[in-house]
Amino acid sequence: MIAVFKTGVRNQGDADYLMKIVENQYPGYEVNFDLEDCDRVLRIKGQEIKNKDIIALFRKEGFMCAVLK
């Protein structure tokens, strides 16, 4: 399963920080950002991705995150 999110992440340092948090919380997920895209896209590949949990995790860290349709 692949989930795609629009985020408020603006720089690579924040992206790296958030990738580590997601990977620690959800071992086995493959996480990457496309900060060149206007939506600053986050892609997560893994089993049973819970969109609400990912969004809550980002909000807790102070970043906007929404499912990209």
PDB file of N, CA and C in Angstrom:
ATOM      1  N   MET A   1       0.844  -1.170   0.000  1.00  0.00           N
ATOM      2  CA  MET A   1       0.000   0.000   0.000  1.00  0.00           C
ATOM      3  C   MET A   1       0.896   1.241   0.000  1.00  0.00           C
ATOM      4  N   ILE A   2       0.486   2.248  -0.760  1.00  0.00           N
ATOM      5  CA  ILE A   2       1.196   3.525  -0.781  1.00  0.00           C
ATOM      6  C   ILE A   2       0.212   4.625  -0.419  1.00  0.00           C
ATOM      7  N   ALA A   3       0.603   5.460   0.534  1.00  0.00           N
ATOM      8  CA  ALA A   3      -0.203   6.612   0.931  1.00  0.00           C
ATOM      9  C   ALA A   3       0.559   7.874   0.546  1.00  0.00           C
ATOM     10  N   VAL A   4      -0.175   8.873   0.056  1.00  0.00           N
ATOM     11  CA  VAL A   4       0.436  10.117  -0.398  1.00  0.00           C
ATOM     12  C   VAL A   4      -0.220  11.272   0.341  1.00  0.00           C
ATOM     13  N   PHE A   5       0.622  12.161   0.891  1.00  0.00           N
ATOM     14  CA  PHE A   5       0.143  13.268   1.706  1.00  0.00           C
ATOM     15  C   PHE A   5       0.713  14.592   1.222  1.00  0.00           C
ATOM     16  N   LYS A   6      -0.072  15.636   1.370  1.00  0.00           N
ATOM     17  CA  LYS A   6       0.385  17.018   1.193  1.00  0.00           C
ATOM     18  C   LYS A   6       0.860  17.472   2.567  1.00  0.00           C
ATOM     19  N   THR A   7       2.025  18.128   2.622  1.00  0.00           N
ATOM     20  CA  THR A   7       2.555  18.541   3.921  1.00  0.00           C
ATOM     21  C   THR A   7       2.957  20.018   3.919  1.00  0.00           C
ATOM     22  N   GLY A   8       3.254  20.507   5.108  1.00  0.00           N
ATOM     23  CA  GLY A   8       3.758  21.863   5.274  1.00  0.00           C
ATOM     24  C   GLY A   8       5.259  21.897   5.515  1.00  0.00           C
ATOM     25  N   VAL A   9       5.941  20.801   5.217  1.00  0.00           N
ATOM     26  CA  VAL A   9       7.385  20.711   5.424  1.00  0.00           C
ATOM     27  C   VAL A   9       8.088  21.561   4.371  1.00  0.00           C
ATOM     28  N   ARG A  10       8.999  22.433   4.811  1.00  0.00           N
ATOM     29  CA  ARG A  10       9.619  23.377   3.879  1.00  0.00           C
ATOM     30  C   ARG A  10      11.097  23.114   3.607  1.00  0.00           C
ATOM     31  N   ASN A  11      11.768  22.335   4.467  1.00  0.00           N
ATOM     32  CA  ASN A  11      13.201  22.137   4.240  1.00  0.00           C
ATOM     33  C   ASN A  11      13.616  20.694   4.521  1.00  0.00           C
ATOM     34  N   GLN A  12      14.782  20.342   4.016  1.00  0.00           N
ATOM     35  CA  GLN A  12      15.257  18.962   4.108  1.00  0.00           C
ATOM     36  C   GLN A  12      15.523  18.539   5.551  1.00  0.00           C
ATOM     37  N   GLY A  13      15.959  19.462   6.383  1.00  0.00           N
ATOM     38  CA  GLY A  13      16.208  19.123   7.783  1.00  0.00           C
ATOM     39  C   GLY A  13      14.945  18.668   8.484  1.00  0.00           C
ATOM     40  N   ASP A  14      13.847  19.394   8.277  1.00  0.00           N
ATOM     41  CA  ASP A  14      12.563  18.986   8.864  1.00  0.00           C
ATOM     42  C   ASP A  14      12.091  17.666   8.261  1.00  0.00           C
ATOM     43  N   ALA A  15      12.279  17.497   6.957  1.00  0.00           N
ATOM     44  CA  ALA A  15      11.878  16.255   6.298  1.00  0.00           C
ATOM     45  C   ALA A  15      12.643  15.065   6.880  1.00  0.00           C
ATOM     46  N   ASP A  16      13.946  15.209   7.058  1.00  0.00           N
ATOM     47  CA  ASP A  16      14.752  14.135   7.636  1.00  0.00           C
ATOM     48  C   ASP A  16      14.286  13.798   9.048  1.00  0.00           C
ATOM     49  N   TYR A  17      14.028  14.822   9.844  1.00  0.00           N
ATOM     50  CA  TYR A  17      13.549  14.638  11.223  1.00  0.00           C
ATOM     51  C   TYR A  17      12.237  13.853  11.231  1.00  0.00           C
ATOM     52  N   LEU A  18      11.293  14.260  10.396  1.00  0.00           N
ATOM     53  CA  LEU A  18       9.984  13.602  10.358  1.00  0.00           C
ATOM     54  C   LEU A  18      10.068  12.190   9.794  1.00  0.00           C
ATOM     55  N   MET A  19      10.940  11.965   8.816  1.00  0.00           N
ATOM     56  CA  MET A  19      11.114  10.609   8.288  1.00  0.00           C
ATOM     57  C   MET A  19      11.603   9.665   9.380  1.00  0.00           C
ATOM     58  N   LYS A  20      12.536  10.133  10.196  1.00  0.00           N
ATOM     59  CA  LYS A  20      13.046   9.295  11.292  1.00  0.00           C
ATOM     60  C   LYS A  20      11.946   8.971  12.297  1.00  0.00           C
ATOM     61  N   ILE A  21      11.113   9.955  12.600  1.00  0.00           N
ATOM     62  CA  ILE A  21      10.015   9.719  13.540  1.00  0.00           C
ATOM     63  C   ILE A  21       9.053   8.664  12.985  1.00  0.00           C
ATOM     64  N   VAL A  22       8.668   8.820  11.724  1.00  0.00           N
ATOM     65  CA  VAL A  22       7.742   7.859  11.114  1.00  0.00           C
ATOM     66  C   VAL A  22       8.378   6.478  11.055  1.00  0.00           C
ATOM     67  N   GLU A  23       9.633   6.388  10.644  1.00  0.00           N
ATOM     68  CA  GLU A  23      10.308   5.096  10.540  1.00  0.00           C
ATOM     69  C   GLU A  23      10.481   4.437  11.906  1.00  0.00           C
ATOM     70  N   ASN A  24      10.715   5.225  12.959  1.00  0.00           N
ATOM     71  CA  ASN A  24      10.822   4.664  14.307  1.00  0.00           C
ATOM     72  C   ASN A  24       9.469   4.185  14.820  1.00  0.00           C
ATOM     73  N   GLN A  25       8.432   4.950  14.534  1.00  0.00           N
ATOM     74  CA  GLN A  25       7.084   4.612  14.995  1.00  0.00           C
ATOM     75  C   GLN A  25       6.514   3.419  14.221  1.00  0.00           C
ATOM     76  N   TYR A  26       6.878   3.331  12.937  1.00  0.00           N
ATOM     77  CA  TYR A  26       6.343   2.300  12.049  1.00  0.00           C
ATOM     78  C   TYR A  26       7.478   1.599  11.308  1.00  0.00           C
ATOM     79  N   PRO A  27       8.184   0.698  11.984  1.00  0.00           N
ATOM     80  CA  PRO A  27       9.284  -0.026  11.330  1.00  0.00           C
ATOM     81  C   PRO A  27       8.775  -0.763  10.085  1.00  0.00           C
ATOM     82  N   GLY A  28       9.567  -0.716   9.038  1.00  0.00           N
ATOM     83  CA  GLY A  28       9.186  -1.386   7.809  1.00  0.00           C
ATOM     84  C   GLY A  28       8.560  -0.461   6.776  1.00  0.00           C
ATOM     85  N   TYR A  29       8.127   0.718   7.198  1.00  0.00           N
ATOM     86  CA  TYR A  29       7.590   1.687   6.234  1.00  0.00           C
ATOM     87  C   TYR A  29       8.739   2.301   5.453  1.00  0.00           C
ATOM     88  N   GLU A  30       8.524   2.540   4.168  1.00  0.00           N
ATOM     89  CA  GLU A  30       9.459   3.296   3.344  1.00  0.00           C
ATOM     90  C   GLU A  30       8.889   4.700   3.222  1.00  0.00           C
ATOM     91  N   VAL A  31       9.679   5.696   3.606  1.00  0.00           N
ATOM     92  CA  VAL A  31       9.199   7.070   3.691  1.00  0.00           C
ATOM     93  C   VAL A  31      10.090   7.975   2.848  1.00  0.00           C
ATOM     94  N   ASN A  32       9.464   8.849   2.051  1.00  0.00           N
ATOM     95  CA  ASN A  32      10.253   9.847   1.336  1.00  0.00           C
ATOM     96  C   ASN A  32       9.420  11.095   1.071  1.00  0.00           C
ATOM     97  N   PHE A  33      10.111  12.189   0.878  1.00  0.00           N
ATOM     98  CA  PHE A  33       9.503  13.481   0.591  1.00  0.00           C
ATOM     99  C   PHE A  33       9.901  13.942  -0.801  1.00  0.00           C
ATOM    100  N   ASP A  34       9.020  14.706  -1.422  1.00  0.00           N
ATOM    101  CA  ASP A  34       9.337  15.445  -2.639  1.00  0.00           C
ATOM    102  C   ASP A  34       9.104  16.913  -2.320  1.00  0.00           C
ATOM    103  N   LEU A  35      10.143  17.581  -1.850  1.00  0.00           N
ATOM    104  CA  LEU A  35      10.026  18.980  -1.448  1.00  0.00           C
ATOM    105  C   LEU A  35      10.020  19.916  -2.653  1.00  0.00           C
ATOM    106  N   GLU A  36      10.344  19.402  -3.829  1.00  0.00           N
ATOM    107  CA  GLU A  36      10.306  20.206  -5.050  1.00  0.00           C
ATOM    108  C   GLU A  36       8.869  20.415  -5.524  1.00  0.00           C
ATOM    109  N   ASP A  37       7.997  19.496  -5.172  1.00  0.00           N
ATOM    110  CA  ASP A  37       6.587  19.583  -5.543  1.00  0.00           C
ATOM    111  C   ASP A  37       5.912  20.692  -4.738  1.00  0.00           C
ATOM    112  N   CYS A  38       4.961  21.383  -5.345  1.00  0.00           N
ATOM    113  CA  CYS A  38       4.285  22.487  -4.646  1.00  0.00           C
ATOM    114  C   CYS A  38       3.525  22.016  -3.405  1.00  0.00           C
ATOM    115  N   ASP A  39       3.144  20.727  -3.355  1.00  0.00           N
ATOM    116  CA  ASP A  39       2.438  20.178  -2.191  1.00  0.00           C
ATOM    117  C   ASP A  39       3.381  19.571  -1.160  1.00  0.00           C
ATOM    118  N   ARG A  40       4.679  19.642  -1.417  1.00  0.00           N
ATOM    119  CA  ARG A  40       5.686  19.063  -0.522  1.00  0.00           C
ATOM    120  C   ARG A  40       5.265  17.652  -0.093  1.00  0.00           C
ATOM    121  N   VAL A  41       5.201  16.803  -1.084  1.00  0.00           N
ATOM    122  CA  VAL A  41       4.578  15.490  -0.982  1.00  0.00           C
ATOM    123  C   VAL A  41       5.381  14.532  -0.098  1.00  0.00           C
ATOM    124  N   LEU A  42       4.644  13.839   0.763  1.00  0.00           N
ATOM    125  CA  LEU A  42       5.169  12.738   1.573  1.00  0.00           C
ATOM    126  C   LEU A  42       4.570  11.457   1.020  1.00  0.00           C
ATOM    127  N   ARG A  43       5.418  10.473   0.733  1.00  0.00           N
ATOM    128  CA  ARG A  43       4.950   9.163   0.287  1.00  0.00           C
ATOM    129  C   ARG A  43       5.394   8.129   1.308  1.00  0.00           C
ATOM    130  N   ILE A  44       4.459   7.278   1.662  1.00  0.00           N
ATOM    131  CA  ILE A  44       4.757   6.198   2.593  1.00  0.00           C
ATOM    132  C   ILE A  44       4.303   4.888   1.965  1.00  0.00           C
ATOM    133  N   LYS A  45       5.206   3.923   1.947  1.00  0.00           N
ATOM    134  CA  LYS A  45       4.898   2.592   1.446  1.00  0.00           C
ATOM    135  C   LYS A  45       5.011   1.625   2.613  1.00  0.00           C
ATOM    136  N   GLY A  46       3.966   0.823   2.816  1.00  0.00           N
ATOM    137  CA  GLY A  46       3.986  -0.138   3.908  1.00  0.00           C
ATOM    138  C   GLY A  46       2.661  -0.856   4.037  1.00  0.00           C
ATOM    139  N   GLN A  47       2.603  -1.717   5.012  1.00  0.00           N
ATOM    140  CA  GLN A  47       1.396  -2.480   5.291  1.00  0.00           C
ATOM    141  C   GLN A  47       0.460  -1.682   6.196  1.00  0.00           C
ATOM    142  N   GLU A  48      -0.814  -1.671   5.869  1.00  0.00           N
ATOM    143  CA  GLU A  48      -1.853  -1.095   6.727  1.00  0.00           C
ATOM    144  C   GLU A  48      -1.510   0.301   7.245  1.00  0.00           C
ATOM    145  N   ILE A  49      -1.285   1.226   6.347  1.00  0.00           N
ATOM    146  CA  ILE A  49      -0.978   2.606   6.723  1.00  0.00           C
ATOM    147  C   ILE A  49      -2.253   3.263   7.236  1.00  0.00           C
ATOM    148  N   LYS A  50      -2.168   3.843   8.417  1.00  0.00           N
ATOM    149  CA  LYS A  50      -3.319   4.528   9.017  1.00  0.00           C
ATOM    150  C   LYS A  50      -3.135   6.026   8.818  1.00  0.00           C
ATOM    151  N   ASN A  51      -3.841   6.561   7.821  1.00  0.00           N
ATOM    152  CA  ASN A  51      -3.694   7.968   7.468  1.00  0.00           C
ATOM    153  C   ASN A  51      -3.903   8.894   8.655  1.00  0.00           C
ATOM    154  N   LYS A  52      -4.916   8.625   9.463  1.00  0.00           N
ATOM    155  CA  LYS A  52      -5.216   9.491  10.610  1.00  0.00           C
ATOM    156  C   LYS A  52      -4.053   9.529  11.594  1.00  0.00           C
ATOM    157  N   ASP A  53      -3.382   8.399  11.779  1.00  0.00           N
ATOM    158  CA  ASP A  53      -2.238   8.349  12.698  1.00  0.00           C
ATOM    159  C   ASP A  53      -1.062   9.159  12.168  1.00  0.00           C
ATOM    160  N   ILE A  54      -0.817   9.088  10.866  1.00  0.00           N
ATOM    161  CA  ILE A  54       0.272   9.864  10.257  1.00  0.00           C
ATOM    162  C   ILE A  54      -0.026  11.355  10.375  1.00  0.00           C
ATOM    163  N   ILE A  55      -1.253  11.738  10.073  1.00  0.00           N
ATOM    164  CA  ILE A  55      -1.656  13.152  10.166  1.00  0.00           C
ATOM    165  C   ILE A  55      -1.520  13.644  11.598  1.00  0.00           C
ATOM    166  N   ALA A  56      -1.952  12.862  12.559  1.00  0.00           N
ATOM    167  CA  ALA A  56      -1.848  13.243  13.977  1.00  0.00           C
ATOM    168  C   ALA A  56      -0.392  13.386  14.396  1.00  0.00           C
ATOM    169  N   LEU A  57       0.469  12.500  13.919  1.00  0.00           N
ATOM    170  CA  LEU A  57       1.891  12.559  14.238  1.00  0.00           C
ATOM    171  C   LEU A  57       2.508  13.860  13.726  1.00  0.00           C
ATOM    172  N   PHE A  58       2.180  14.232  12.499  1.00  0.00           N
ATOM    173  CA  PHE A  58       2.704  15.478  11.927  1.00  0.00           C
ATOM    174  C   PHE A  58       2.174  16.689  12.677  1.00  0.00           C
ATOM    175  N   ARG A  59       0.903  16.692  12.989  1.00  0.00           N
ATOM    176  CA  ARG A  59       0.320  17.824  13.720  1.00  0.00           C
ATOM    177  C   ARG A  59       0.943  17.973  15.097  1.00  0.00           C
ATOM    178  N   LYS A  60       1.219  16.854  15.748  1.00  0.00           N
ATOM    179  CA  LYS A  60       1.868  16.880  17.054  1.00  0.00           C
ATOM    180  C   LYS A  60       3.246  17.556  16.965  1.00  0.00           C
ATOM    181  N   GLU A  61       3.914  17.350  15.831  1.00  0.00           N
ATOM    182  CA  GLU A  61       5.229  17.943  15.609  1.00  0.00           C
ATOM    183  C   GLU A  61       5.137  19.365  15.035  1.00  0.00           C
ATOM    184  N   GLY A  62       3.918  19.858  14.807  1.00  0.00           N
ATOM    185  CA  GLY A  62       3.725  21.230  14.357  1.00  0.00           C
ATOM    186  C   GLY A  62       3.684  21.434  12.840  1.00  0.00           C
ATOM    187  N   PHE A  63       3.389  20.362  12.105  1.00  0.00           N
ATOM    188  CA  PHE A  63       3.361  20.437  10.646  1.00  0.00           C
ATOM    189  C   PHE A  63       1.988  20.051  10.111  1.00  0.00           C
ATOM    190  N   MET A  64       1.569  20.744   9.060  1.00  0.00           N
ATOM    191  CA  MET A  64       0.343  20.408   8.363  1.00  0.00           C
ATOM    192  C   MET A  64       0.576  19.134   7.563  1.00  0.00           C
ATOM    193  N   CYS A  65      -0.444  18.293   7.532  1.00  0.00           N
ATOM    194  CA  CYS A  65      -0.392  17.056   6.754  1.00  0.00           C
ATOM    195  C   CYS A  65      -1.815  16.666   6.415  1.00  0.00           C
ATOM    196  N   ALA A  66      -2.052  16.362   5.134  1.00  0.00           N
ATOM    197  CA  ALA A  66      -3.379  15.950   4.691  1.00  0.00           C
ATOM    198  C   ALA A  66      -3.238  14.940   3.562  1.00  0.00           C
ATOM    199  N   VAL A  67      -4.193  14.043   3.468  1.00  0.00           N
ATOM    200  CA  VAL A  67      -4.181  13.060   2.390  1.00  0.00           C
ATOM    201  C   VAL A  67      -4.304  13.802   1.072  1.00  0.00           C
ATOM    202  N   LEU A  68      -3.444  13.451   0.131  1.00  0.00           N
ATOM    203  CA  LEU A  68      -3.458  14.068  -1.196  1.00  0.00           C
ATOM    204  C   LEU A  68      -4.287  13.178  -2.121  1.00  0.00           C
ATOM    205  N   LYS A  69      -5.276  13.783  -2.744  1.00  0.00           N
ATOM    206  CA  LYS A  69      -6.162  13.016  -3.632  1.00  0.00           C
ATOM    207  C   LYS A  69      -5.857  13.314  -5.072  1.00  0.00           C
TER     208      LYS A  69
END
